[in-house]
C-alpha atoms as a PDB file:
ATOM      1  CA  MET A   1       2.531 -51.408  -7.610  1.00  0.00           C
ATOM      2  CA  LYS A   2       5.109 -48.546  -7.399  1.00  0.00           C
ATOM      3  CA  THR A   3       3.380 -46.819 -10.269  1.00  0.00           C
ATOM      4  CA  LEU A   4      -0.001 -47.178  -8.433  1.00  0.00           C
ATOM      5  CA  LEU A   5       1.374 -45.753  -5.301  1.00  0.00           C
ATOM      6  CA  ARG A   6       3.073 -42.800  -7.205  1.00  0.00           C
ATOM      7  CA  PHE A   7      -0.314 -42.008  -8.846  1.00  0.00           C
ATOM      8  CA  THR A   8      -2.180 -42.160  -5.640  1.00  0.00           C
ATOM      9  CA  PHE A   9       0.285 -39.789  -3.941  1.00  0.00           C
ATOM     10  CA  LEU A  10       0.232 -37.368  -6.790  1.00  0.00           C
ATOM     11  CA  SER A  11      -3.624 -37.421  -6.767  1.00  0.00           C
ATOM     12  CA  LEU A  12      -3.675 -36.638  -3.060  1.00  0.00           C
ATOM     13  CA  ALA A  13      -1.227 -33.830  -3.415  1.00  0.00           C
ATOM     14  CA  LEU A  14      -3.158 -32.244  -6.282  1.00  0.00           C
ATOM     15  CA  GLY A  15      -6.372 -32.570  -4.316  1.00  0.00           C
ATOM     16  CA  LEU A  16      -4.845 -30.832  -1.221  1.00  0.00           C
ATOM     17  CA  ALA A  17      -3.382 -28.022  -3.362  1.00  0.00           C
ATOM     18  CA  GLY A  18      -6.777 -27.581  -5.027  1.00  0.00           C
ATOM     19  CA  ALA A  19      -8.568 -27.384  -1.665  1.00  0.00           C
ATOM     20  CA  LEU A  20      -6.062 -24.904  -0.315  1.00  0.00           C
ATOM     21  CA  PHE A  21      -6.408 -22.772  -3.550  1.00  0.00           C
ATOM     22  CA  ALA A  22     -10.215 -22.886  -3.307  1.00  0.00           C
ATOM     23  CA  GLN A  23     -10.042 -21.297   0.123  1.00  0.00           C
ATOM     24  CA  ILE A  24      -8.328 -18.175  -1.218  1.00  0.00           C
ATOM     25  CA  ASN A  25     -10.793 -15.544  -2.292  1.00  0.00           C
ATOM     26  CA  PRO A  26      -9.445 -13.725  -5.377  1.00  0.00           C
ATOM     27  CA  ALA A  27     -11.009 -10.509  -4.168  1.00  0.00           C
ATOM     28  CA  ASP A  28      -9.146 -10.934  -0.821  1.00  0.00           C
ATOM     29  CA  ALA A  29      -5.887 -11.526  -2.730  1.00  0.00           C
ATOM     30  CA  LYS A  30      -6.390  -8.319  -4.788  1.00  0.00           C
ATOM     31  CA  LYS A  31      -7.042  -6.346  -1.719  1.00  0.00           C
ATOM     32  CA  ALA A  32      -3.875  -7.674   0.037  1.00  0.00           C
ATOM     33  CA  TYR A  33      -2.349  -4.657   1.805  1.00  0.00           C
ATOM     34  CA  VAL A  34       1.388  -3.869   2.029  1.00  0.00           C
ATOM     35  CA  HIS A  35       2.078  -0.774   4.054  1.00  0.00           C
ATOM     36  CA  ARG A  36       4.836   1.502   2.682  1.00  0.00           C
ATOM     37  CA  LEU A  37       6.585   3.661   5.311  1.00  0.00           C
ATOM     38  CA  GLN A  38       5.585   7.335   5.101  1.00  0.00           C
ATOM     39  CA  LEU A  39       6.107  10.762   6.429  1.00  0.00           C
ATOM     40  CA  ALA A  40       5.509  10.788  10.305  1.00  0.00           C
ATOM     41  CA  ASP A  41       5.233   7.097  10.736  1.00  0.00           C
ATOM     42  CA  ARG A  42       6.975   6.246  14.011  1.00  0.00           C
ATOM     43  CA  VAL A  43       9.096   3.210  13.651  1.00  0.00           C
ATOM     44  CA  ARG A  44      11.093   0.955  15.995  1.00  0.00           C
ATOM     45  CA  VAL A  45      14.431  -0.263  14.619  1.00  0.00           C
ATOM     46  CA  ALA A  46      15.992  -3.195  16.560  1.00  0.00           C
ATOM     47  CA  ILE A  47      19.096  -5.218  15.795  1.00  0.00           C
ATOM     48  CA  TYR A  48      19.455  -8.786  17.118  1.00  0.00           C
ATOM     49  CA  GLN A  49      21.897  -8.908  20.027  1.00  0.00           C
ATOM     50  CA  GLU A  50      22.649  -5.198  19.626  1.00  0.00           C
ATOM     51  CA  ASP A  51      20.231  -3.724  22.227  1.00  0.00           C
ATOM     52  CA  ASP A  52      22.127  -0.440  22.524  1.00  0.00           C
ATOM     53  CA  LEU A  53      21.409   0.287  18.922  1.00  0.00           C
ATOM     54  CA  THR A  54      17.544   0.042  19.241  1.00  0.00           C
ATOM     55  CA  THR A  55      15.960   3.146  18.089  1.00  0.00           C
ATOM     56  CA  LEU A  56      12.484   4.743  18.080  1.00  0.00           C
ATOM     57  CA  ALA A  57      12.354   7.431  15.340  1.00  0.00           C
ATOM     58  CA  ARG A  58       9.714   9.306  13.276  1.00  0.00           C
ATOM     59  CA  ILE A  59      10.235   9.483   9.544  1.00  0.00           C
ATOM     60  CA  ASP A  60      10.868  13.061   8.541  1.00  0.00           C
ATOM     61  CA  ALA A  61       9.656  15.047   5.575  1.00  0.00           C
ATOM     62  CA  ARG A  62      12.557  13.777   3.452  1.00  0.00           C
ATOM     63  CA  GLY A  63      11.742  10.104   4.225  1.00  0.00           C
ATOM     64  CA  MET A  64      14.729   9.878   6.545  1.00  0.00           C
ATOM     65  CA  VAL A  65      15.379   8.469  10.049  1.00  0.00           C
ATOM     66  CA  ASN A  66      18.508   8.970  12.078  1.00  0.00           C
ATOM     67  CA  LEU A  67      20.085   5.760  13.444  1.00  0.00           C
ATOM     68  CA  PRO A  68      23.132   5.061  15.566  1.00  0.00           C
ATOM     69  CA  LEU A  69      26.441   4.907  13.784  1.00  0.00           C
ATOM     70  CA  ILE A  70      24.979   5.186  10.278  1.00  0.00           C
ATOM     71  CA  GLN A  71      23.211   8.491  10.978  1.00  0.00           C
ATOM     72  CA  GLU A  72      20.625   9.432   8.319  1.00  0.00           C
ATOM     73  CA  ILE A  73      19.032   6.848   6.095  1.00  0.00           C
ATOM     74  CA  SER A  74      16.184   7.027   3.689  1.00  0.00           C
ATOM     75  CA  ILE A  75      13.312   4.460   4.265  1.00  0.00           C
ATOM     76  CA  GLY A  76      10.273   6.507   3.255  1.00  0.00           C
ATOM     77  CA  GLY A  77       8.253   4.811   0.598  1.00  0.00           C
ATOM     78  CA  LEU A  78       9.784   1.304   1.383  1.00  0.00           C
ATOM     79  CA  THR A  79       8.004  -1.671   2.796  1.00  0.00           C
ATOM     80  CA  VAL A  80       9.073  -2.915   6.266  1.00  0.00           C
ATOM     81  CA  VAL A  81      11.023  -5.797   4.621  1.00  0.00           C
ATOM     82  CA  GLU A  82      12.772  -3.395   2.242  1.00  0.00           C
ATOM     83  CA  ALA A  83      13.632  -0.998   4.988  1.00  0.00           C
ATOM     84  CA  GLN A  84      15.216  -3.885   7.002  1.00  0.00           C
ATOM     85  CA  GLN A  85      17.357  -4.851   3.941  1.00  0.00           C
ATOM     86  CA  VAL A  86      18.518  -1.188   3.340  1.00  0.00           C
ATOM     87  CA  ILE A  87      19.427  -0.765   7.041  1.00  0.00           C
ATOM     88  CA  GLU A  88      21.283  -4.092   7.216  1.00  0.00           C
ATOM     89  CA  LYS A  89      23.242  -3.153   4.149  1.00  0.00           C
ATOM     90  CA  ALA A  90      24.243   0.326   5.586  1.00  0.00           C
ATOM     91  CA  TYR A  91      25.571  -1.264   8.752  1.00  0.00           C
ATOM     92  CA  ARG A  92      27.510  -3.949   6.706  1.00  0.00           C
ATOM     93  CA  ASP A  93      28.857  -1.448   4.168  1.00  0.00           C
ATOM     94  CA  GLY A  94      29.954   0.945   6.995  1.00  0.00           C
ATOM     95  CA  ARG A  95      31.809  -2.034   8.603  1.00  0.00           C
ATOM     96  CA  PHE A  96      29.890  -1.339  11.882  1.00  0.00           C
ATOM     97  CA  LEU A  97      28.341  -4.844  11.979  1.00  0.00           C
ATOM     98  CA  ARG A  98      29.340  -8.028  10.156  1.00  0.00           C
ATOM     99  CA  ALA A  99      25.993  -9.675   9.859  1.00  0.00           C
ATOM    100  CA  PRO A 100      23.190  -7.477  11.270  1.00  0.00           C
ATOM    101  CA  GLN A 101      19.708  -8.859  11.630  1.00  0.00           C
ATOM    102  CA  VAL A 102      17.395  -5.867  11.675  1.00  0.00           C
ATOM    103  CA  THR A 103      13.743  -5.754  12.598  1.00  0.00           C
ATOM    104  CA  VAL A 104      11.604  -2.715  11.575  1.00  0.00           C
ATOM    105  CA  SER A 105       8.107  -2.273  13.028  1.00  0.00           C
ATOM    106  CA  VAL A 106       5.690   0.547  12.852  1.00  0.00           C
ATOM    107  CA  GLU A 107       4.818   1.775  16.436  1.00  0.00           C
ATOM    108  CA  GLU A 108       2.516   4.585  15.359  1.00  0.00           C
ATOM    109  CA  TYR A 109       0.957   5.104  11.943  1.00  0.00           C
ATOM    110  CA  ALA A 110       0.805   8.607  10.580  1.00  0.00           C
ATOM    111  CA  PRO A 111      -2.701   9.964   9.912  1.00  0.00           C
ATOM    112  CA  ARG A 112      -4.052   8.170   6.821  1.00  0.00           C
ATOM    113  CA  GLU A 113      -6.436  10.380   4.957  1.00  0.00           C
ATOM    114  CA  VAL A 114      -7.398  11.345   1.447  1.00  0.00           C
ATOM    115  CA  SER A 115      -9.621  14.028   0.223  1.00  0.00           C
ATOM    116  CA  ILE A 116     -12.224  14.297  -2.596  1.00  0.00           C
ATOM    117  CA  GLN A 117     -13.470  17.553  -4.021  1.00  0.00           C
ATOM    118  CA  GLY A 118     -15.337  18.884  -7.047  1.00  0.00           C
ATOM    119  CA  GLN A 119     -18.526  17.387  -8.348  1.00  0.00           C
ATOM    120  CA  ILE A 120     -19.136  14.854  -5.620  1.00  0.00           C
ATOM    121  CA  ARG A 121     -22.111  14.642  -3.398  1.00  0.00           C
ATOM    122  CA  ASN A 122     -20.233  14.660  -0.033  1.00  0.00           C
ATOM    123  CA  PRO A 123     -16.782  16.317  -0.609  1.00  0.00           C
ATOM    124  CA  GLY A 124     -14.284  16.243   2.232  1.00  0.00           C
ATOM    125  CA  ARG A 125     -11.591  14.270   3.894  1.00  0.00           C
ATOM    126  CA  TYR A 126     -11.855  10.469   4.376  1.00  0.00           C
ATOM    127  CA  PRO A 127      -9.763   8.194   6.509  1.00  0.00           C
ATOM    128  CA  LEU A 128      -7.983   5.233   4.968  1.00  0.00           C
ATOM    129  CA  PRO A 129      -8.234   1.794   6.656  1.00  0.00           C
ATOM    130  CA  THR A 130      -4.996   1.160   8.597  1.00  0.00           C
ATOM    131  CA  GLU A 131      -4.525  -2.518   7.450  1.00  0.00           C
ATOM    132  CA  SER A 132      -6.407  -2.720   4.146  1.00  0.00           C
ATOM    133  CA  THR A 133      -6.679  -0.949   0.807  1.00  0.00           C
ATOM    134  CA  PHE A 134      -9.044   1.588  -0.585  1.00  0.00           C
ATOM    135  CA  THR A 135      -9.728   2.238  -4.309  1.00  0.00           C
ATOM    136  CA  VAL A 136     -10.778   5.454  -6.165  1.00  0.00           C
ATOM    137  CA  SER A 137     -14.158   3.933  -7.079  1.00  0.00           C
ATOM    138  CA  GLU A 138     -14.707   2.955  -3.395  1.00  0.00           C
ATOM    139  CA  LEU A 139     -13.922   6.482  -2.252  1.00  0.00           C
ATOM    140  CA  VAL A 140     -16.447   7.875  -4.812  1.00  0.00           C
ATOM    141  CA  THR A 141     -19.081   5.577  -3.599  1.00  0.00           C
ATOM    142  CA  LYS A 142     -18.416   6.347   0.082  1.00  0.00           C
ATOM    143  CA  ALA A 143     -18.624  10.076  -0.792  1.00  0.00           C
ATOM    144  CA  GLY A 144     -22.129   9.569  -2.086  1.00  0.00           C
ATOM    145  CA  GLY A 145     -21.345   9.332  -5.783  1.00  0.00           C
ATOM    146  CA  ILE A 146     -20.635  11.889  -8.515  1.00  0.00           C
ATOM    147  CA  THR A 147     -23.252  14.648  -9.097  1.00  0.00           C
ATOM    148  CA  ASP A 148     -25.351  14.810 -12.260  1.00  0.00           C
ATOM    149  CA  ILE A 149     -22.945  17.323 -13.820  1.00  0.00           C
ATOM    150  CA  GLY A 150     -19.785  15.577 -12.689  1.00  0.00           C
ATOM    151  CA  LYS A 151     -17.374  14.070 -15.269  1.00  0.00           C
ATOM    152  CA  GLY A 152     -16.861  10.555 -13.940  1.00  0.00           C
ATOM    153  CA  THR A 153     -14.802   9.520 -16.916  1.00  0.00           C
ATOM    154  CA  ALA A 154     -11.931  12.000 -16.084  1.00  0.00           C
ATOM    155  CA  VAL A 155     -11.417  11.995 -12.281  1.00  0.00           C
ATOM    156  CA  ASN A 156      -8.006  13.474 -11.389  1.00  0.00           C
ATOM    157  CA  ILE A 157      -5.776  12.104  -8.637  1.00  0.00           C
ATOM    158  CA  THR A 158      -2.942  14.288  -7.325  1.00  0.00           C
ATOM    159  CA  ARG A 159      -0.319  12.355  -5.390  1.00  0.00           C
ATOM    160  CA  ILE A 160       2.941  13.546  -3.718  1.00  0.00           C
ATOM    161  CA  LEU A 161       5.700  10.967  -4.214  1.00  0.00           C
ATOM    162  CA  PRO A 162       8.303  10.021  -1.576  1.00  0.00           C
ATOM    163  CA  ASP A 163      10.873  12.210  -3.267  1.00  0.00           C
ATOM    164  CA  GLY A 164       8.577  15.326  -3.011  1.00  0.00           C
ATOM    165  CA  THR A 165       7.542  15.451  -6.629  1.00  0.00           C
ATOM    166  CA  LYS A 166       3.878  15.600  -7.671  1.00  0.00           C
ATOM    167  CA  LYS A 167       2.054  13.157  -9.940  1.00  0.00           C
ATOM    168  CA  ILE A 168      -1.331  13.814 -11.458  1.00  0.00           C
ATOM    169  CA  PHE A 169      -3.274  11.018 -13.373  1.00  0.00           C
ATOM    170  CA  THR A 170      -6.686  10.585 -14.702  1.00  0.00           C
ATOM    171  CA  VAL A 171      -9.086   7.737 -14.010  1.00  0.00           C
ATOM    172  CA  ASP A 172     -12.281   6.719 -15.783  1.00  0.00           C
ATOM    173  CA  VAL A 173     -14.307   5.894 -12.534  1.00  0.00           C
ATOM    174  CA  ASP A 174     -17.592   5.518 -14.522  1.00  0.00           C
ATOM    175  CA  SER A 175     -16.167   2.514 -16.370  1.00  0.00           C
ATOM    176  CA  LEU A 176     -14.743   1.030 -13.175  1.00  0.00           C
ATOM    177  CA  ILE A 177     -18.052   1.152 -11.426  1.00  0.00           C
ATOM    178  CA  LYS A 178     -19.875  -0.288 -14.452  1.00  0.00           C
ATOM    179  CA  GLY A 179     -17.295  -2.992 -14.719  1.00  0.00           C
ATOM    180  CA  LYS A 180     -17.810  -3.999 -11.049  1.00  0.00           C
ATOM    181  CA  LYS A 181     -21.516  -4.328 -11.540  1.00  0.00           C
ATOM    182  CA  GLY A 182     -21.083  -6.203 -14.691  1.00  0.00           C
ATOM    183  CA  ASP A 183     -18.528  -8.991 -15.420  1.00  0.00           C
ATOM    184  CA  GLY A 184     -15.932  -7.661 -13.077  1.00  0.00           C
ATOM    185  CA  LYS A 185     -13.196  -7.749 -15.711  1.00  0.00           C
ATOM    186  CA  ILE A 186     -11.917  -4.358 -14.963  1.00  0.00           C
ATOM    187  CA  ASP A 187      -9.175  -4.531 -12.400  1.00  0.00           C
ATOM    188  CA  ASP A 188      -8.641  -1.378 -10.314  1.00  0.00           C
ATOM    189  CA  ASN A 189      -5.798  -2.894  -8.227  1.00  0.00           C
ATOM    190  CA  ASN A 190      -3.509  -0.320  -9.643  1.00  0.00           C
ATOM    191  CA  LEU A 191      -5.753   2.553  -8.471  1.00  0.00           C
ATOM    192  CA  LEU A 192      -5.250   2.036  -4.742  1.00  0.00           C
ATOM    193  CA  LEU A 193      -5.281   5.320  -2.856  1.00  0.00           C
ATOM    194  CA  LEU A 194      -2.337   6.492  -0.732  1.00  0.00           C
ATOM    195  CA  PRO A 195      -2.367   8.806   2.265  1.00  0.00           C
ATOM    196  CA  GLY A 196      -2.445  12.447   1.123  1.00  0.00           C
ATOM    197  CA  ASP A 197      -4.039  11.751  -2.314  1.00  0.00           C
ATOM    198  CA  VAL A 198      -6.370  14.517  -3.549  1.00  0.00           C
ATOM    199  CA  VAL A 199      -9.209  13.281  -5.796  1.00  0.00           C
ATOM    200  CA  TYR A 200     -10.977  15.844  -7.988  1.00  0.00           C
ATOM    201  CA  VAL A 201     -14.157  15.276 -10.011  1.00  0.00           C
ATOM    202  CA  PRO A 202     -14.466  17.957 -12.762  1.00  0.00           C
ATOM    203  CA  GLU A 203     -17.608  19.340 -14.234  1.00  0.00           C
ATOM    204  CA  ARG A 204     -18.944  18.077 -17.470  1.00  0.00           C
ATOM    205  CA  LEU A 205     -19.159  20.467 -20.407  1.00  0.00           C
ATOM    206  CA  ILE A 206     -22.865  20.826 -21.184  1.00  0.00           C
END
C-alpha cells in the first residue's frame, strides 16, 4: 500500500512539473532580458532602516556613482543584483554598516539606441526595447534587409565596453536568417545588441 501511495505521489509530481515546463516557451526563455546598468542610467540606492543613506545618482562615464560614506563605487555593466552585492560589500568592508540590505532600482533608463550603417536598405539609429532583447538579425530585418551588394556573411558590430575599450566582432547574419527560416538550430542568443552598438554591413567584392 505504501509503495502504491509513493508511486501515485511521484506520478502526480512529475505530471505537475511537466505541465509547468510545457507552459514555458523556449523562445521566451531565450529572450529573457536582464538589464545591465549603463552610462547615464539614473539609479536609486536604498538601505533598509538607513533612510539617511538613500541616494539618487546617475552613472557617470566611468561607470561610477557617488554614495554616502563609501564615496565612488563602480556599478556600470553590473546587473541590479550584482550592484546590490557590490555596494553591500563596500559598506561592510569599510565597517560603516554591519549587515546592510541594499536595494538598487533604475529610476530612469539612459537612451537605448543602436545604429546600422553601410549596405542596408534603411540605415540609421534604432531604439532598443526597454524591457526585452534585440538581436543583430532582428535589427537587419527591421532596417529593411541587406542591399543586393551587401555582404551579409560579414556584418561588423562595434561595441564600447564598460571599461571604455572597444570591441569589434563579425557576424554571419545571412546564416542566422536562413537558420531561423529553416530548422531554427542556430542560436543567436549571444548576439544580443547593447545600447551604443554600431552595426556595419560591408559591400561585397564583385
